[in-house]
PDB file of N, CA and C in Angstrom:
ATOM      1  N   MET A   1      68.852 100.315  81.112  1.00  0.00           N
ATOM      2  CA  MET A   1      67.795  99.873  80.247  1.00  0.00           C
ATOM      3  C   MET A   1      67.643  98.368  80.281  1.00  0.00           C
ATOM      4  N   GLY A   2      68.680  97.648  80.608  1.00  0.00           N
ATOM      5  CA  GLY A   2      68.580  96.198  80.655  1.00  0.00           C
ATOM      6  C   GLY A   2      68.886  95.566  79.314  1.00  0.00           C
ATOM      7  N   SER A   3      68.632  94.308  79.218  1.00  0.00           N
ATOM      8  CA  SER A   3      68.907  93.560  78.024  1.00  0.00           C
ATOM      9  C   SER A   3      67.974  93.969  76.858  1.00  0.00           C
ATOM     10  N   ILE A   4      68.546  94.053  75.699  1.00  0.00           N
ATOM     11  CA  ILE A   4      67.744  94.410  74.501  1.00  0.00           C
ATOM     12  C   ILE A   4      66.686  93.306  74.239  1.00  0.00           C
ATOM     13  N   GLN A   5      66.987  92.075  74.612  1.00  0.00           N
ATOM     14  CA  GLN A   5      66.020  90.993  74.396  1.00  0.00           C
ATOM     15  C   GLN A   5      64.734  91.236  75.173  1.00  0.00           C
ATOM     16  N   GLY A   6      64.759  92.086  76.163  1.00  0.00           N
ATOM     17  CA  GLY A   6      63.581  92.418  76.970  1.00  0.00           C
ATOM     18  C   GLY A   6      62.672  93.427  76.292  1.00  0.00           C
ATOM     19  N   LEU A   7      63.123  94.038  75.234  1.00  0.00           N
ATOM     20  CA  LEU A   7      62.274  95.043  74.546  1.00  0.00           C
ATOM     21  C   LEU A   7      61.365  94.365  73.548  1.00  0.00           C
ATOM     22  N   ASP A   8      60.054  94.544  73.796  1.00  0.00           N
ATOM     23  CA  ASP A   8      59.045  93.940  72.891  1.00  0.00           C
ATOM     24  C   ASP A   8      59.218  94.454  71.460  1.00  0.00           C
ATOM     25  N   VAL A   9      59.554  95.715  71.267  1.00  0.00           N
ATOM     26  CA  VAL A   9      59.689  96.262  69.923  1.00  0.00           C
ATOM     27  C   VAL A   9      60.843  95.628  69.192  1.00  0.00           C
ATOM     28  N   TRP A  10      61.901  95.287  69.892  1.00  0.00           N
ATOM     29  CA  TRP A  10      63.043  94.616  69.242  1.00  0.00           C
ATOM     30  C   TRP A  10      62.608  93.217  68.807  1.00  0.00           C
ATOM     31  N   ARG A  11      61.961  92.468  69.712  1.00  0.00           N
ATOM     32  CA  ARG A  11      61.513  91.114  69.343  1.00  0.00           C
ATOM     33  C   ARG A  11      60.513  91.137  68.179  1.00  0.00           C
ATOM     34  N   ARG A  12      59.610  92.089  68.216  1.00  0.00           N
ATOM     35  CA  ARG A  12      58.613  92.170  67.153  1.00  0.00           C
ATOM     36  C   ARG A  12      59.286  92.578  65.827  1.00  0.00           C
ATOM     37  N   SER A  13      60.326  93.373  65.886  1.00  0.00           N
ATOM     38  CA  SER A  13      61.019  93.759  64.630  1.00  0.00           C
ATOM     39  C   SER A  13      61.739  92.568  64.038  1.00  0.00           C
ATOM     40  N   LEU A  14      62.177  91.636  64.924  1.00  0.00           N
ATOM     41  CA  LEU A  14      62.747  90.402  64.370  1.00  0.00           C
ATOM     42  C   LEU A  14      61.699  89.523  63.684  1.00  0.00           C
ATOM     43  N   ASP A  15      60.478  89.531  64.236  1.00  0.00           N
ATOM     44  CA  ASP A  15      59.375  88.846  63.575  1.00  0.00           C
ATOM     45  C   ASP A  15      59.161  89.431  62.179  1.00  0.00           C
ATOM     46  N   LEU A  16      59.195  90.770  62.132  1.00  0.00           N
ATOM     47  CA  LEU A  16      59.052  91.440  60.834  1.00  0.00           C
ATOM     48  C   LEU A  16      60.154  91.080  59.876  1.00  0.00           C
ATOM     49  N   ASP A  17      61.405  90.969  60.379  1.00  0.00           N
ATOM     50  CA  ASP A  17      62.506  90.529  59.530  1.00  0.00           C
ATOM     51  C   ASP A  17      62.217  89.187  58.897  1.00  0.00           C
ATOM     52  N   GLU A  18      61.742  88.261  59.695  1.00  0.00           N
ATOM     53  CA  GLU A  18      61.404  86.912  59.151  1.00  0.00           C
ATOM     54  C   GLU A  18      60.354  87.001  58.074  1.00  0.00           C
ATOM     55  N   MET A  19      59.318  87.784  58.324  1.00  0.00           N
ATOM     56  CA  MET A  19      58.249  87.926  57.321  1.00  0.00           C
ATOM     57  C   MET A  19      58.783  88.474  56.013  1.00  0.00           C
ATOM     58  N   VAL A  20      59.604  89.526  56.111  1.00  0.00           N
ATOM     59  CA  VAL A  20      60.140  90.162  54.902  1.00  0.00           C
ATOM     60  C   VAL A  20      61.074  89.189  54.134  1.00  0.00           C
ATOM     61  N   TYR A  21      61.868  88.443  54.886  1.00  0.00           N
ATOM     62  CA  TYR A  21      62.766  87.466  54.225  1.00  0.00           C
ATOM     63  C   TYR A  21      61.929  86.404  53.480  1.00  0.00           C
ATOM     64  N   ARG A  22      60.861  85.963  54.079  1.00  0.00           N
ATOM     65  CA  ARG A  22      60.019  84.927  53.429  1.00  0.00           C
ATOM     66  C   ARG A  22      59.331  85.522  52.179  1.00  0.00           C
ATOM     67  N   VAL A  23      58.815  86.728  52.281  1.00  0.00           N
ATOM     68  CA  VAL A  23      58.150  87.369  51.147  1.00  0.00           C
ATOM     69  C   VAL A  23      59.175  87.605  50.033  1.00  0.00           C
ATOM     70  N   SER A  24      60.319  88.120  50.396  1.00  0.00           N
ATOM     71  CA  SER A  24      61.322  88.474  49.354  1.00  0.00           C
ATOM     72  C   SER A  24      61.982  87.234  48.747  1.00  0.00           C
ATOM     73  N   ASP A  25      61.870  86.084  49.383  1.00  0.00           N
ATOM     74  CA  ASP A  25      62.354  84.844  48.792  1.00  0.00           C
ATOM     75  C   ASP A  25      61.602  84.565  47.475  1.00  0.00           C
ATOM     76  N   ARG A  26      60.401  85.036  47.356  1.00  0.00           N
ATOM     77  CA  ARG A  26      59.578  84.790  46.168  1.00  0.00           C
ATOM     78  C   ARG A  26      59.741  85.879  45.102  1.00  0.00           C
ATOM     79  N   PHE A  27      60.573  86.850  45.360  1.00  0.00           N
ATOM     80  CA  PHE A  27      60.816  87.878  44.306  1.00  0.00           C
ATOM     81  C   PHE A  27      61.532  87.230  43.126  1.00  0.00           C
ATOM     82  N   SER A  28      61.427  87.833  42.030  1.00  0.00           N
ATOM     83  CA  SER A  28      62.086  87.353  40.788  1.00  0.00           C
ATOM     84  C   SER A  28      63.586  87.213  41.025  1.00  0.00           C
ATOM     85  N   SER A  29      64.154  86.132  40.439  1.00  0.00           N
ATOM     86  CA  SER A  29      65.590  85.941  40.595  1.00  0.00           C
ATOM     87  C   SER A  29      66.400  87.078  39.959  1.00  0.00           C
ATOM     88  N   SER A  30      65.802  87.813  39.043  1.00  0.00           N
ATOM     89  CA  SER A  30      66.488  88.953  38.467  1.00  0.00           C
ATOM     90  C   SER A  30      66.654  90.090  39.453  1.00  0.00           C
ATOM     91  N   GLU A  31      65.921  90.033  40.556  1.00  0.00           N
ATOM     92  CA  GLU A  31      65.994  91.063  41.596  1.00  0.00           C
ATOM     93  C   GLU A  31      66.853  90.622  42.779  1.00  0.00           C
ATOM     94  N   LYS A  32      67.575  89.542  42.631  1.00  0.00           N
ATOM     95  CA  LYS A  32      68.406  89.027  43.723  1.00  0.00           C
ATOM     96  C   LYS A  32      69.324  90.091  44.271  1.00  0.00           C
ATOM     97  N   TYR A  33      69.874  90.924  43.400  1.00  0.00           N
ATOM     98  CA  TYR A  33      70.813  91.954  43.825  1.00  0.00           C
ATOM     99  C   TYR A  33      70.227  93.359  43.803  1.00  0.00           C
ATOM    100  N   GLY A  34      68.927  93.424  43.532  1.00  0.00           N
ATOM    101  CA  GLY A  34      68.235  94.691  43.524  1.00  0.00           C
ATOM    102  C   GLY A  34      67.271  94.855  44.671  1.00  0.00           C
ATOM    103  N   MET A  35      66.012  94.695  44.337  1.00  0.00           N
ATOM    104  CA  MET A  35      64.950  94.860  45.310  1.00  0.00           C
ATOM    105  C   MET A  35      65.076  93.952  46.526  1.00  0.00           C
ATOM    106  N   THR A  36      65.457  92.690  46.295  1.00  0.00           N
ATOM    107  CA  THR A  36      65.591  91.752  47.413  1.00  0.00           C
ATOM    108  C   THR A  36      66.598  92.230  48.435  1.00  0.00           C
ATOM    109  N   VAL A  37      67.748  92.644  47.980  1.00  0.00           N
ATOM    110  CA  VAL A  37      68.782  93.132  48.887  1.00  0.00           C
ATOM    111  C   VAL A  37      68.332  94.385  49.589  1.00  0.00           C
ATOM    112  N   GLN A  38      67.722  95.279  48.864  1.00  0.00           N
ATOM    113  CA  GLN A  38      67.311  96.566  49.442  1.00  0.00           C
ATOM    114  C   GLN A  38      66.260  96.383  50.563  1.00  0.00           C
ATOM    115  N   VAL A  39      65.232  95.589  50.313  1.00  0.00           N
ATOM    116  CA  VAL A  39      64.189  95.402  51.292  1.00  0.00           C
ATOM    117  C   VAL A  39      64.732  94.651  52.515  1.00  0.00           C
ATOM    118  N   ARG A  40      65.611  93.714  52.293  1.00  0.00           N
ATOM    119  CA  ARG A  40      66.188  92.985  53.438  1.00  0.00           C
ATOM    120  C   ARG A  40      67.121  93.886  54.274  1.00  0.00           C
ATOM    121  N   ARG A  41      67.881  94.685  53.616  1.00  0.00           N
ATOM    122  CA  ARG A  41      68.771  95.606  54.351  1.00  0.00           C
ATOM    123  C   ARG A  41      67.940  96.565  55.194  1.00  0.00           C
ATOM    124  N   SER A  42      66.895  97.096  54.599  1.00  0.00           N
ATOM    125  CA  SER A  42      66.121  98.082  55.365  1.00  0.00           C
ATOM    126  C   SER A  42      65.429  97.430  56.553  1.00  0.00           C
ATOM    127  N   THR A  43      64.912  96.217  56.371  1.00  0.00           N
ATOM    128  CA  THR A  43      64.208  95.560  57.504  1.00  0.00           C
ATOM    129  C   THR A  43      65.198  95.145  58.600  1.00  0.00           C
ATOM    130  N   CYS A  44      66.376  94.693  58.236  1.00  0.00           N
ATOM    131  CA  CYS A  44      67.367  94.294  59.225  1.00  0.00           C
ATOM    132  C   CYS A  44      67.882  95.536  59.999  1.00  0.00           C
ATOM    133  N   SER A  45      67.868  96.634  59.349  1.00  0.00           N
ATOM    134  CA  SER A  45      68.340  97.875  59.979  1.00  0.00           C
ATOM    135  C   SER A  45      67.403  98.321  61.108  1.00  0.00           C
ATOM    136  N   ILE A  46      66.147  97.930  61.029  1.00  0.00           N
ATOM    137  CA  ILE A  46      65.196  98.316  62.111  1.00  0.00           C
ATOM    138  C   ILE A  46      65.631  97.718  63.411  1.00  0.00           C
ATOM    139  N   ALA A  47      65.749  96.400  63.452  1.00  0.00           N
ATOM    140  CA  ALA A  47      66.178  95.735  64.702  1.00  0.00           C
ATOM    141  C   ALA A  47      67.591  96.146  65.131  1.00  0.00           C
ATOM    142  N   ALA A  48      68.468  96.313  64.168  1.00  0.00           N
ATOM    143  CA  ALA A  48      69.842  96.691  64.485  1.00  0.00           C
ATOM    144  C   ALA A  48      69.901  98.046  65.145  1.00  0.00           C
ATOM    145  N   ASN A  49      69.142  99.010  64.658  1.00  0.00           N
ATOM    146  CA  ASN A  49      69.130 100.353  65.254  1.00  0.00           C
ATOM    147  C   ASN A  49      68.498 100.340  66.635  1.00  0.00           C
ATOM    148  N   ILE A  50      67.446  99.535  66.814  1.00  0.00           N
ATOM    149  CA  ILE A  50      66.849  99.416  68.110  1.00  0.00           C
ATOM    150  C   ILE A  50      67.859  98.836  69.107  1.00  0.00           C
ATOM    151  N   ALA A  51      68.641  97.893  68.668  1.00  0.00           N
ATOM    152  CA  ALA A  51      69.647  97.236  69.536  1.00  0.00           C
ATOM    153  C   ALA A  51      70.822  98.189  69.820  1.00  0.00           C
ATOM    154  N   GLU A  52      71.200  98.960  68.829  1.00  0.00           N
ATOM    155  CA  GLU A  52      72.360  99.835  69.007  1.00  0.00           C
ATOM    156  C   GLU A  52      72.094 101.027  69.933  1.00  0.00           C
ATOM    157  N   GLY A  53      70.857 101.490  69.914  1.00  0.00           N
ATOM    158  CA  GLY A  53      70.524 102.656  70.747  1.00  0.00           C
ATOM    159  C   GLY A  53      70.916 102.581  72.232  1.00  0.00           C
ATOM    160  N   PRO A  54      70.493 101.493  72.921  1.00  0.00           N
ATOM    161  CA  PRO A  54      70.852 101.422  74.329  1.00  0.00           C
ATOM    162  C   PRO A  54      72.340 101.233  74.590  1.00  0.00           C
ATOM    163  N   ALA A  55      73.062 100.810  73.593  1.00  0.00           N
ATOM    164  CA  ALA A  55      74.504 100.589  73.758  1.00  0.00           C
ATOM    165  C   ALA A  55      75.263 101.933  73.695  1.00  0.00           C
ATOM    166  N   ARG A  56      74.574 103.000  73.349  1.00  0.00           N
ATOM    167  CA  ARG A  56      75.183 104.312  73.249  1.00  0.00           C
ATOM    168  C   ARG A  56      75.212 104.971  74.589  1.00  0.00           C
ATOM    169  N   ARG A  57      75.619 106.232  74.637  1.00  0.00           N
ATOM    170  CA  ARG A  57      75.844 106.950  75.868  1.00  0.00           C
ATOM    171  C   ARG A  57      74.611 107.347  76.672  1.00  0.00           C
ATOM    172  N   GLY A  58      73.519 107.550  76.031  1.00  0.00           N
ATOM    173  CA  GLY A  58      72.387 108.050  76.824  1.00  0.00           C
ATOM    174  C   GLY A  58      71.077 107.972  76.086  1.00  0.00           C
ATOM    175  N   THR A  59      70.077 108.498  76.759  1.00  0.00           N
ATOM    176  CA  THR A  59      68.709 108.470  76.246  1.00  0.00           C
ATOM    177  C   THR A  59      68.585 109.236  74.955  1.00  0.00           C
ATOM    178  N   ARG A  60      69.242 110.350  74.854  1.00  0.00           N
ATOM    179  CA  ARG A  60      69.136 111.157  73.627  1.00  0.00           C
ATOM    180  C   ARG A  60      69.604 110.384  72.404  1.00  0.00           C
ATOM    181  N   GLU A  61      70.727 109.688  72.565  1.00  0.00           N
ATOM    182  CA  GLU A  61      71.232 108.879  71.440  1.00  0.00           C
ATOM    183  C   GLU A  61      70.333 107.688  71.152  1.00  0.00           C
ATOM    184  N   PHE A  62      69.754 107.118  72.181  1.00  0.00           N
ATOM    185  CA  PHE A  62      68.817 106.002  72.003  1.00  0.00           C
ATOM    186  C   PHE A  62      67.646 106.494  71.154  1.00  0.00           C
ATOM    187  N   ARG A  63      67.079 107.639  71.523  1.00  0.00           N
ATOM    188  CA  ARG A  63      65.975 108.199  70.710  1.00  0.00           C
ATOM    189  C   ARG A  63      66.404 108.416  69.298  1.00  0.00           C
ATOM    190  N   GLN A  64      67.625 108.894  69.082  1.00  0.00           N
ATOM    191  CA  GLN A  64      68.110 109.123  67.743  1.00  0.00           C
ATOM    192  C   GLN A  64      68.105 107.796  66.945  1.00  0.00           C
ATOM    193  N   PHE A  65      68.551 106.718  67.566  1.00  0.00           N
ATOM    194  CA  PHE A  65      68.594 105.429  66.880  1.00  0.00           C
ATOM    195  C   PHE A  65      67.182 104.875  66.653  1.00  0.00           C
ATOM    196  N   LEU A  66      66.250 105.171  67.545  1.00  0.00           N
ATOM    197  CA  LEU A  66      64.892 104.803  67.331  1.00  0.00           C
ATOM    198  C   LEU A  66      64.294 105.557  66.110  1.00  0.00           C
ATOM    199  N   GLY A  67      64.732 106.777  65.946  1.00  0.00           N
ATOM    200  CA  GLY A  67      64.340 107.556  64.762  1.00  0.00           C
ATOM    201  C   GLY A  67      64.872 106.930  63.468  1.00  0.00           C
ATOM    202  N   MET A  68      66.106 106.473  63.555  1.00  0.00           N
ATOM    203  CA  MET A  68      66.716 105.771  62.362  1.00  0.00           C
ATOM    204  C   MET A  68      65.938 104.487  62.072  1.00  0.00           C
ATOM    205  N   ALA A  69      65.524 103.782  63.137  1.00  0.00           N
ATOM    206  CA  ALA A  69      64.742 102.570  62.939  1.00  0.00           C
ATOM    207  C   ALA A  69      63.411 102.892  62.264  1.00  0.00           C
ATOM    208  N   SER A  70      62.779 104.005  62.659  1.00  0.00           N
ATOM    209  CA  SER A  70      61.536 104.421  62.038  1.00  0.00           C
ATOM    210  C   SER A  70      61.744 104.731  60.549  1.00  0.00           C
ATOM    211  N   GLY A  71      62.859 105.348  60.259  1.00  0.00           N
ATOM    212  CA  GLY A  71      63.183 105.649  58.821  1.00  0.00           C
ATOM    213  C   GLY A  71      63.365 104.390  58.016  1.00  0.00           C
ATOM    214  N   SER A  72      64.042 103.386  58.597  1.00  0.00           N
ATOM    215  CA  SER A  72      64.228 102.123  57.906  1.00  0.00           C
ATOM    216  C   SER A  72      62.925 101.393  57.734  1.00  0.00           C
ATOM    217  N   LEU A  73      62.009 101.546  58.693  1.00  0.00           N
ATOM    218  CA  LEU A  73      60.704 100.955  58.596  1.00  0.00           C
ATOM    219  C   LEU A  73      59.907 101.530  57.417  1.00  0.00           C
ATOM    220  N   ALA A  74      59.984 102.844  57.256  1.00  0.00           N
ATOM    221  CA  ALA A  74      59.317 103.499  56.119  1.00  0.00           C
ATOM    222  C   ALA A  74      59.929 103.041  54.785  1.00  0.00           C
ATOM    223  N   GLU A  75      61.248 102.927  54.785  1.00  0.00           N
ATOM    224  CA  GLU A  75      61.950 102.456  53.581  1.00  0.00           C
ATOM    225  C   GLU A  75      61.472 101.037  53.217  1.00  0.00           C
ATOM    226  N   MET A  76      61.395 100.170  54.203  1.00  0.00           N
ATOM    227  CA  MET A  76      60.974  98.791  53.958  1.00  0.00           C
ATOM    228  C   MET A  76      59.548  98.765  53.416  1.00  0.00           C
ATOM    229  N   GLU A  77      58.663  99.572  54.006  1.00  0.00           N
ATOM    230  CA  GLU A  77      57.259  99.607  53.566  1.00  0.00           C
ATOM    231  C   GLU A  77      57.185 100.099  52.110  1.00  0.00           C
ATOM    232  N   THR A  78      58.049 101.056  51.777  1.00  0.00           N
ATOM    233  CA  THR A  78      58.072 101.534  50.375  1.00  0.00           C
ATOM    234  C   THR A  78      58.476 100.442  49.404  1.00  0.00           C
ATOM    235  N   PHE A  79      59.515  99.690  49.762  1.00  0.00           N
ATOM    236  CA  PHE A  79      59.961  98.604  48.890  1.00  0.00           C
ATOM    237  C   PHE A  79      58.885  97.536  48.741  1.00  0.00           C
ATOM    238  N   LEU A  80      58.161  97.216  49.829  1.00  0.00           N
ATOM    239  CA  LEU A  80      57.116  96.201  49.712  1.00  0.00           C
ATOM    240  C   LEU A  80      55.963  96.717  48.855  1.00  0.00           C
ATOM    241  N   SER A  81      55.622  97.977  49.011  1.00  0.00           N
ATOM    242  CA  SER A  81      54.552  98.557  48.183  1.00  0.00           C
ATOM    243  C   SER A  81      54.966  98.534  46.694  1.00  0.00           C
ATOM    244  N   LEU A  82      56.201  98.836  46.433  1.00  0.00           N
ATOM    245  CA  LEU A  82      56.706  98.813  45.056  1.00  0.00           C
ATOM    246  C   LEU A  82      56.699  97.371  44.502  1.00  0.00           C
ATOM    247  N   ALA A  83      57.043  96.429  45.336  1.00  0.00           N
ATOM    248  CA  ALA A  83      57.025  95.029  44.920  1.00  0.00           C
ATOM    249  C   ALA A  83      55.622  94.588  44.461  1.00  0.00           C
ATOM    250  N   VAL A  84      54.617  95.069  45.187  1.00  0.00           N
ATOM    251  CA  VAL A  84      53.221  94.742  44.810  1.00  0.00           C
ATOM    252  C   VAL A  84      52.929  95.414  43.481  1.00  0.00           C
ATOM    253  N   ARG A  85      53.295  96.704  43.348  1.00  0.00           N
ATOM    254  CA  ARG A  85      52.990  97.425  42.083  1.00  0.00           C
ATOM    255  C   ARG A  85      53.672  96.819  40.877  1.00  0.00           C
ATOM    256  N   LEU A  86      54.866  96.211  41.097  1.00  0.00           N
ATOM    257  CA  LEU A  86      55.588  95.603  40.014  1.00  0.00           C
ATOM    258  C   LEU A  86      55.187  94.160  39.753  1.00  0.00           C
ATOM    259  N   GLY A  87      54.263  93.656  40.584  1.00  0.00           N
ATOM    260  CA  GLY A  87      53.802  92.291  40.422  1.00  0.00           C
ATOM    261  C   GLY A  87      54.753  91.250  40.945  1.00  0.00           C
ATOM    262  N   MET A  88      55.666  91.689  41.833  1.00  0.00           N
ATOM    263  CA  MET A  88      56.652  90.755  42.401  1.00  0.00           C
ATOM    264  C   MET A  88      56.096  90.066  43.643  1.00  0.00           C
ATOM    265  N   ALA A  89      55.035  90.599  44.219  1.00  0.00           N
ATOM    266  CA  ALA A  89      54.410  90.033  45.381  1.00  0.00           C
ATOM    267  C   ALA A  89      52.909  90.331  45.320  1.00  0.00           C
ATOM    268  N   GLU A  90      52.170  89.421  45.945  1.00  0.00           N
ATOM    269  CA  GLU A  90      50.706  89.630  45.984  1.00  0.00           C
ATOM    270  C   GLU A  90      50.348  90.564  47.086  1.00  0.00           C
ATOM    271  N   ASP A  91      49.353  91.390  46.848  1.00  0.00           N
ATOM    272  CA  ASP A  91      48.882  92.354  47.815  1.00  0.00           C
ATOM    273  C   ASP A  91      48.503  91.627  49.124  1.00  0.00           C
ATOM    274  N   GLU A  92      47.846  90.486  49.024  1.00  0.00           N
ATOM    275  CA  GLU A  92      47.435  89.768  50.228  1.00  0.00           C
ATOM    276  C   GLU A  92      48.614  89.308  51.097  1.00  0.00           C
ATOM    277  N   GLU A  93      49.689  88.828  50.411  1.00  0.00           N
ATOM    278  CA  GLU A  93      50.822  88.336  51.209  1.00  0.00           C
ATOM    279  C   GLU A  93      51.578  89.492  51.873  1.00  0.00           C
ATOM    280  N   ILE A  94      51.481  90.672  51.312  1.00  0.00           N
ATOM    281  CA  ILE A  94      52.139  91.825  51.870  1.00  0.00           C
ATOM    282  C   ILE A  94      51.321  92.419  53.027  1.00  0.00           C
ATOM    283  N   LYS A  95      49.983  92.282  52.954  1.00  0.00           N
ATOM    284  CA  LYS A  95      49.123  92.890  54.003  1.00  0.00           C
ATOM    285  C   LYS A  95      49.516  92.471  55.404  1.00  0.00           C
ATOM    286  N   HIS A  96      49.714  91.207  55.643  1.00  0.00           N
ATOM    287  CA  HIS A  96      50.105  90.690  56.949  1.00  0.00           C
ATOM    288  C   HIS A  96      51.423  91.329  57.422  1.00  0.00           C
ATOM    289  N   THR A  97      52.330  91.409  56.493  1.00  0.00           N
ATOM    290  CA  THR A  97      53.651  92.030  56.789  1.00  0.00           C
ATOM    291  C   THR A  97      53.475  93.514  57.161  1.00  0.00           C
ATOM    292  N   LEU A  98      52.613  94.191  56.454  1.00  0.00           N
ATOM    293  CA  LEU A  98      52.401  95.619  56.742  1.00  0.00           C
ATOM    294  C   LEU A  98      51.623  95.818  58.051  1.00  0.00           C
ATOM    295  N   VAL A  99      50.805  94.858  58.449  1.00  0.00           N
ATOM    296  CA  VAL A  99      50.170  94.935  59.738  1.00  0.00           C
ATOM    297  C   VAL A  99      51.231  94.890  60.853  1.00  0.00           C
ATOM    298  N   CYS A 100      52.190  93.966  60.702  1.00  0.00           N
ATOM    299  CA  CYS A 100      53.244  93.834  61.670  1.00  0.00           C
ATOM    300  C   CYS A 100      54.122  95.122  61.637  1.00  0.00           C
ATOM    301  N   SER A 101      54.322  95.669  60.460  1.00  0.00           N
ATOM    302  CA  SER A 101      55.125  96.879  60.321  1.00  0.00           C
ATOM    303  C   SER A 101      54.434  98.026  61.039  1.00  0.00           C
ATOM    304  N   ASP A 102      53.140  98.137  60.897  1.00  0.00           N
ATOM    305  CA  ASP A 102      52.394  99.177  61.590  1.00  0.00           C
ATOM    306  C   ASP A 102      52.538  99.031  63.100  1.00  0.00           C
ATOM    307  N   GLU A 103      52.476  97.792  63.566  1.00  0.00           N
ATOM    308  CA  GLU A 103      52.602  97.536  65.010  1.00  0.00           C
ATOM    309  C   GLU A 103      53.984  97.962  65.498  1.00  0.00           C
ATOM    310  N   VAL A 104      55.026  97.629  64.764  1.00  0.00           N
ATOM    311  CA  VAL A 104      56.364  97.996  65.108  1.00  0.00           C
ATOM    312  C   VAL A 104      56.519  99.548  65.105  1.00  0.00           C
ATOM    313  N   GLY A 105      55.903 100.176  64.141  1.00  0.00           N
ATOM    314  CA  GLY A 105      55.944 101.642  64.075  1.00  0.00           C
ATOM    315  C   GLY A 105      55.297 102.263  65.291  1.00  0.00           C
ATOM    316  N   ARG A 106      54.162 101.746  65.704  1.00  0.00           N
ATOM    317  CA  ARG A 106      53.470 102.271  66.904  1.00  0.00           C
ATOM    318  C   ARG A 106      54.323 102.049  68.158  1.00  0.00           C
ATOM    319  N   MET A 107      54.967 100.851  68.201  1.00  0.00           N
ATOM    320  CA  MET A 107      55.793 100.552  69.354  1.00  0.00           C
ATOM    321  C   MET A 107      57.033 101.498  69.436  1.00  0.00           C
ATOM    322  N   LEU A 108      57.618 101.772  68.262  1.00  0.00           N
ATOM    323  CA  LEU A 108      58.721 102.702  68.210  1.00  0.00           C
ATOM    324  C   LEU A 108      58.331 104.077  68.700  1.00  0.00           C
ATOM    325  N   THR A 109      57.173 104.549  68.259  1.00  0.00           N
ATOM    326  CA  THR A 109      56.651 105.851  68.656  1.00  0.00           C
ATOM    327  C   THR A 109      56.437 105.905  70.157  1.00  0.00           C
ATOM    328  N   GLY A 110      55.842 104.841  70.712  1.00  0.00           N
ATOM    329  CA  GLY A 110      55.609 104.769  72.132  1.00  0.00           C
ATOM    330  C   GLY A 110      56.903 104.792  72.940  1.00  0.00           C
ATOM    331  N   LEU A 111      57.892 104.060  72.464  1.00  0.00           N
ATOM    332  CA  LEU A 111      59.155 103.985  73.185  1.00  0.00           C
ATOM    333  C   LEU A 111      59.857 105.350  73.108  1.00  0.00           C
ATOM    334  N   LYS A 112      59.810 106.021  71.962  1.00  0.00           N
ATOM    335  CA  LYS A 112      60.388 107.340  71.875  1.00  0.00           C
ATOM    336  C   LYS A 112      59.722 108.319  72.852  1.00  0.00           C
ATOM    337  N   ARG A 113      58.398 108.241  72.945  1.00  0.00           N
ATOM    338  CA  ARG A 113      57.691 109.112  73.873  1.00  0.00           C
ATOM    339  C   ARG A 113      58.093 108.800  75.345  1.00  0.00           C
ATOM    340  N   ALA A 114      58.210 107.516  75.634  1.00  0.00           N
ATOM    341  CA  ALA A 114      58.581 107.120  77.013  1.00  0.00           C
ATOM    342  C   ALA A 114      59.966 107.574  77.374  1.00  0.00           C
ATOM    343  N   LEU A 115      60.839 107.748  76.401  1.00  0.00           N
ATOM    344  CA  LEU A 115      62.195 108.151  76.687  1.00  0.00           C
ATOM    345  C   LEU A 115      62.373 109.674  76.772  1.00  0.00           C
ATOM    346  N   ARG A 116      61.310 110.405  76.553  1.00  0.00           N
ATOM    347  CA  ARG A 116      61.398 111.869  76.643  1.00  0.00           C
ATOM    348  C   ARG A 116      61.504 112.345  78.065  1.00  0.00           C
TER     349      ARG A 116
END
């Protein structure tokens, strides 16, 4: 498979990590150990699972880790949507992040298909 740094989806997921960290920096300080930690863990898990997949034994396991990355992506999107509903983030500032999230999701789906 080559170096993980060569995967566009991995690099784009790191872009998403940066966006989520910046957005969550503005969450209420009372959420420092709640929503902030949860949304950051879920977004970091996306890139981590993409990276871990090729380090496993084969294509089947790689696809499994891409599935976990997709699950973490959905979790992150849920936390961001909740943050907007709770007034912790503005809908406009989340929109750009969700556009990137959608792109990562499509890239994950494409990579899973290519590995079949």
